Amino acid sequence: MRGYSLDPHPSVKVVTEQYAVVRIPRVKRERVPANNVEIVENLEQAVEKSDPKNHLYAAKVLGPSRSSEGVILYYILDMYNHS
């Protein structure tokens, strides 16, 4: 997985691409709060834990990153099981 720094301060931990299950009310979201993200080991686990009827989707995310408002976010890079 590649790492990125989304915070301009050099001492900030590098964010990474990870697989996750995200709870979102609608599929067309670009970012989600950290408390709506469950990081998992791999894509297979994310798909297994997903449940679109309950707004849980398998995704590849980038994060964590702090927004200008101080909220910890993950950016959705790809969604895998939405219909």
N, C-alpha and C. Protein backbone atom coordinates (compact mmCIF):
# COMPACT_ATOMS: atom_id res chain seq x y z
N MET A 1 0.83 -1.17 0.00
CA MET A 1 0.00 0.00 0.00
C MET A 1 0.89 1.25 0.00
N ARG A 2 0.47 2.24 -0.73
CA ARG A 2 1.21 3.50 -0.80
C ARG A 2 0.83 4.39 0.37
N GLY A 3 1.77 5.25 0.79
CA GLY A 3 1.50 6.20 1.85
C GLY A 3 1.53 7.62 1.32
N TYR A 4 0.73 8.49 1.91
CA TYR A 4 0.64 9.89 1.52
C TYR A 4 0.60 10.73 2.78
N SER A 5 1.02 11.96 2.67
CA SER A 5 0.84 12.91 3.76
C SER A 5 -0.14 13.96 3.30
N LEU A 6 -1.30 14.02 3.93
CA LEU A 6 -2.31 15.01 3.60
C LEU A 6 -2.26 16.20 4.55
N ASP A 7 -1.35 16.18 5.49
CA ASP A 7 -1.20 17.27 6.45
C ASP A 7 0.15 17.92 6.17
N PRO A 8 0.20 19.23 6.05
CA PRO A 8 1.46 19.89 5.68
C PRO A 8 2.56 19.81 6.73
N HIS A 9 2.23 19.49 7.97
CA HIS A 9 3.26 19.42 9.01
C HIS A 9 4.09 18.15 8.85
N PRO A 10 5.43 18.27 8.81
CA PRO A 10 6.28 17.10 8.54
C PRO A 10 6.26 16.01 9.60
N SER A 11 5.83 16.31 10.83
CA SER A 11 5.84 15.29 11.87
C SER A 11 4.56 14.46 11.90
N VAL A 12 3.59 14.77 11.04
CA VAL A 12 2.32 14.07 11.02
C VAL A 12 2.51 12.68 10.41
N LYS A 13 1.87 11.69 11.01
CA LYS A 13 1.93 10.32 10.51
C LYS A 13 1.39 10.26 9.08
N VAL A 14 2.03 9.46 8.25
CA VAL A 14 1.62 9.31 6.85
C VAL A 14 0.34 8.51 6.77
N VAL A 15 -0.58 8.97 5.93
CA VAL A 15 -1.82 8.23 5.71
C VAL A 15 -1.56 7.13 4.69
N THR A 16 -2.41 6.09 4.70
CA THR A 16 -2.21 4.96 3.80
C THR A 16 -3.52 4.54 3.16
N GLU A 17 -3.38 3.81 2.05
CA GLU A 17 -4.54 3.17 1.43
C GLU A 17 -4.81 1.89 2.19
N GLN A 18 -6.08 1.68 2.56
CA GLN A 18 -6.47 0.50 3.33
C GLN A 18 -7.84 0.04 2.87
N TYR A 19 -8.14 -1.23 3.11
CA TYR A 19 -9.49 -1.74 2.86
C TYR A 19 -10.32 -1.53 4.11
N ALA A 20 -11.60 -1.27 3.91
CA ALA A 20 -12.46 -0.97 5.04
C ALA A 20 -13.90 -1.26 4.70
N VAL A 21 -14.71 -1.28 5.75
CA VAL A 21 -16.16 -1.27 5.61
C VAL A 21 -16.59 0.11 6.09
N VAL A 22 -17.29 0.84 5.22
CA VAL A 22 -17.72 2.19 5.57
C VAL A 22 -19.23 2.25 5.70
N ARG A 23 -19.69 2.97 6.71
CA ARG A 23 -21.13 3.20 6.91
C ARG A 23 -21.44 4.57 6.34
N ILE A 24 -22.20 4.58 5.26
CA ILE A 24 -22.57 5.84 4.62
C ILE A 24 -24.03 5.78 4.19
N PRO A 25 -24.75 6.90 4.28
CA PRO A 25 -26.17 6.90 3.92
C PRO A 25 -26.40 6.81 2.41
N ARG A 26 -25.42 7.24 1.62
CA ARG A 26 -25.55 7.14 0.17
C ARG A 26 -24.18 6.83 -0.42
N VAL A 27 -24.16 6.15 -1.54
CA VAL A 27 -22.91 5.68 -2.13
C VAL A 27 -22.05 6.83 -2.65
N LYS A 28 -22.65 7.89 -3.12
CA LYS A 28 -21.87 8.98 -3.73
C LYS A 28 -21.30 9.91 -2.67
N ARG A 29 -20.33 9.39 -1.93
CA ARG A 29 -19.61 10.18 -0.92
C ARG A 29 -18.14 10.15 -1.28
N GLU A 30 -17.43 11.23 -1.01
CA GLU A 30 -16.00 11.27 -1.26
C GLU A 30 -15.19 11.03 0.00
N ARG A 31 -15.75 11.37 1.15
CA ARG A 31 -15.03 11.20 2.41
C ARG A 31 -16.03 10.89 3.52
N VAL A 32 -15.52 10.21 4.55
CA VAL A 32 -16.37 9.83 5.67
C VAL A 32 -15.61 10.03 6.98
N PRO A 33 -16.33 10.34 8.06
CA PRO A 33 -15.68 10.47 9.37
C PRO A 33 -15.09 9.13 9.82
N ALA A 34 -14.02 9.19 10.57
CA ALA A 34 -13.33 7.98 11.03
C ALA A 34 -14.24 7.05 11.82
N ASN A 35 -15.21 7.59 12.56
CA ASN A 35 -16.08 6.70 13.34
C ASN A 35 -17.06 5.92 12.47
N ASN A 36 -17.09 6.18 11.16
CA ASN A 36 -17.93 5.42 10.22
C ASN A 36 -17.09 4.44 9.40
N VAL A 37 -15.85 4.22 9.80
CA VAL A 37 -14.92 3.38 9.04
C VAL A 37 -14.40 2.26 9.93
N GLU A 38 -14.50 1.03 9.43
CA GLU A 38 -13.88 -0.12 10.11
C GLU A 38 -12.79 -0.66 9.18
N ILE A 39 -11.54 -0.49 9.57
CA ILE A 39 -10.41 -0.97 8.77
C ILE A 39 -10.34 -2.50 8.91
N VAL A 40 -10.14 -3.18 7.78
CA VAL A 40 -10.00 -4.64 7.76
C VAL A 40 -8.70 -5.01 7.05
N GLU A 41 -8.34 -6.27 7.12
CA GLU A 41 -7.07 -6.74 6.57
C GLU A 41 -7.00 -6.75 5.05
N ASN A 42 -8.13 -7.08 4.39
CA ASN A 42 -8.08 -7.23 2.94
C ASN A 42 -9.46 -7.01 2.33
N LEU A 43 -9.49 -7.00 1.01
CA LEU A 43 -10.74 -6.76 0.29
C LEU A 43 -11.77 -7.85 0.58
N GLU A 44 -11.35 -9.09 0.69
CA GLU A 44 -12.27 -10.18 0.94
C GLU A 44 -13.02 -9.98 2.27
N GLN A 45 -12.31 -9.55 3.31
CA GLN A 45 -12.96 -9.28 4.60
C GLN A 45 -13.94 -8.12 4.48
N ALA A 46 -13.55 -7.10 3.74
CA ALA A 46 -14.44 -5.95 3.57
C ALA A 46 -15.73 -6.35 2.88
N VAL A 47 -15.61 -7.14 1.82
CA VAL A 47 -16.81 -7.58 1.09
C VAL A 47 -17.66 -8.49 1.98
N GLU A 48 -17.03 -9.37 2.75
CA GLU A 48 -17.76 -10.28 3.63
C GLU A 48 -18.56 -9.51 4.70
N LYS A 49 -17.99 -8.44 5.23
CA LYS A 49 -18.65 -7.66 6.29
C LYS A 49 -19.63 -6.62 5.74
N SER A 50 -19.60 -6.39 4.45
CA SER A 50 -20.48 -5.36 3.89
C SER A 50 -21.94 -5.81 3.93
N ASP A 51 -22.83 -4.83 4.00
CA ASP A 51 -24.26 -5.07 4.05
C ASP A 51 -24.97 -3.83 3.51
N PRO A 52 -25.07 -3.71 2.18
CA PRO A 52 -25.65 -2.50 1.58
C PRO A 52 -27.04 -2.14 2.11
N LYS A 53 -27.84 -3.13 2.50
CA LYS A 53 -29.17 -2.83 3.03
C LYS A 53 -29.09 -2.02 4.32
N ASN A 54 -27.97 -2.17 5.03
CA ASN A 54 -27.75 -1.41 6.27
C ASN A 54 -26.68 -0.32 6.08
N HIS A 55 -26.45 0.07 4.83
CA HIS A 55 -25.53 1.17 4.49
C HIS A 55 -24.08 0.87 4.83
N LEU A 56 -23.67 -0.39 4.78
CA LEU A 56 -22.29 -0.80 5.01
C LEU A 56 -21.70 -1.27 3.69
N TYR A 57 -20.61 -0.62 3.25
CA TYR A 57 -20.04 -0.89 1.94
C TYR A 57 -18.55 -1.20 2.03
N ALA A 58 -18.11 -2.16 1.23
CA ALA A 58 -16.69 -2.45 1.11
C ALA A 58 -16.03 -1.36 0.28
N ALA A 59 -14.86 -0.90 0.74
CA ALA A 59 -14.20 0.19 0.05
C ALA A 59 -12.70 0.15 0.27
N LYS A 60 -11.98 0.84 -0.63
CA LYS A 60 -10.58 1.16 -0.39
C LYS A 60 -10.58 2.62 0.02
N VAL A 61 -9.93 2.92 1.15
CA VAL A 61 -9.94 4.28 1.69
C VAL A 61 -8.51 4.78 1.86
N LEU A 62 -8.39 6.08 1.95
CA LEU A 62 -7.12 6.74 2.20
C LEU A 62 -7.27 7.55 3.48
N GLY A 63 -6.42 7.29 4.45
CA GLY A 63 -6.53 8.02 5.70
C GLY A 63 -5.75 7.36 6.81
N PRO A 64 -5.92 7.85 8.00
CA PRO A 64 -6.78 8.96 8.40
C PRO A 64 -6.12 10.29 8.10
N SER A 65 -6.95 11.30 7.94
CA SER A 65 -6.50 12.66 7.68
C SER A 65 -7.39 13.61 8.47
N ARG A 66 -6.81 14.72 8.89
CA ARG A 66 -7.58 15.70 9.65
C ARG A 66 -8.08 16.79 8.71
N SER A 67 -9.38 17.09 8.78
CA SER A 67 -9.96 18.16 7.97
C SER A 67 -9.58 19.52 8.57
N SER A 68 -9.88 20.58 7.85
CA SER A 68 -9.59 21.92 8.36
C SER A 68 -10.41 22.23 9.61
N GLU A 69 -11.52 21.50 9.81
CA GLU A 69 -12.35 21.67 11.00
C GLU A 69 -11.88 20.80 12.16
N GLY A 70 -10.84 19.99 11.95
CA GLY A 70 -10.31 19.13 13.00
C GLY A 70 -10.94 17.75 13.06
N VAL A 71 -11.82 17.41 12.12
CA VAL A 71 -12.47 16.10 12.08
C VAL A 71 -11.52 15.10 11.41
N ILE A 72 -11.41 13.90 11.97
CA ILE A 72 -10.60 12.86 11.36
C ILE A 72 -11.43 12.18 10.28
N LEU A 73 -10.90 12.14 9.05
CA LEU A 73 -11.63 11.62 7.88
C LEU A 73 -10.85 10.54 7.16
N TYR A 74 -11.60 9.75 6.41
CA TYR A 74 -11.04 8.83 5.42
C TYR A 74 -11.65 9.21 4.07
N TYR A 75 -10.83 9.20 3.04
CA TYR A 75 -11.29 9.48 1.68
C TYR A 75 -11.56 8.17 0.97
N ILE A 76 -12.71 8.05 0.32
CA ILE A 76 -13.06 6.83 -0.39
C ILE A 76 -12.40 6.85 -1.76
N LEU A 77 -11.56 5.85 -2.03
CA LEU A 77 -10.88 5.73 -3.31
C LEU A 77 -11.66 4.86 -4.28
N ASP A 78 -12.29 3.80 -3.73
CA ASP A 78 -13.05 2.88 -4.58
C ASP A 78 -14.08 2.14 -3.73
N MET A 79 -15.24 1.89 -4.32
CA MET A 79 -16.30 1.11 -3.67
C MET A 79 -16.43 -0.20 -4.44
N TYR A 80 -16.69 -1.31 -3.74
CA TYR A 80 -16.66 -2.61 -4.39
C TYR A 80 -17.96 -3.35 -4.54
N ASN A 81 -18.97 -3.10 -3.76
CA ASN A 81 -20.17 -3.95 -3.83
C ASN A 81 -21.46 -3.16 -3.84
N HIS A 82 -21.44 -1.94 -4.34
CA HIS A 82 -22.69 -1.19 -4.39
C HIS A 82 -23.43 -1.55 -5.66
N SER A 83 -24.74 -1.47 -5.61
CA SER A 83 -25.55 -1.84 -6.76
C SER A 83 -26.23 -0.62 -7.34
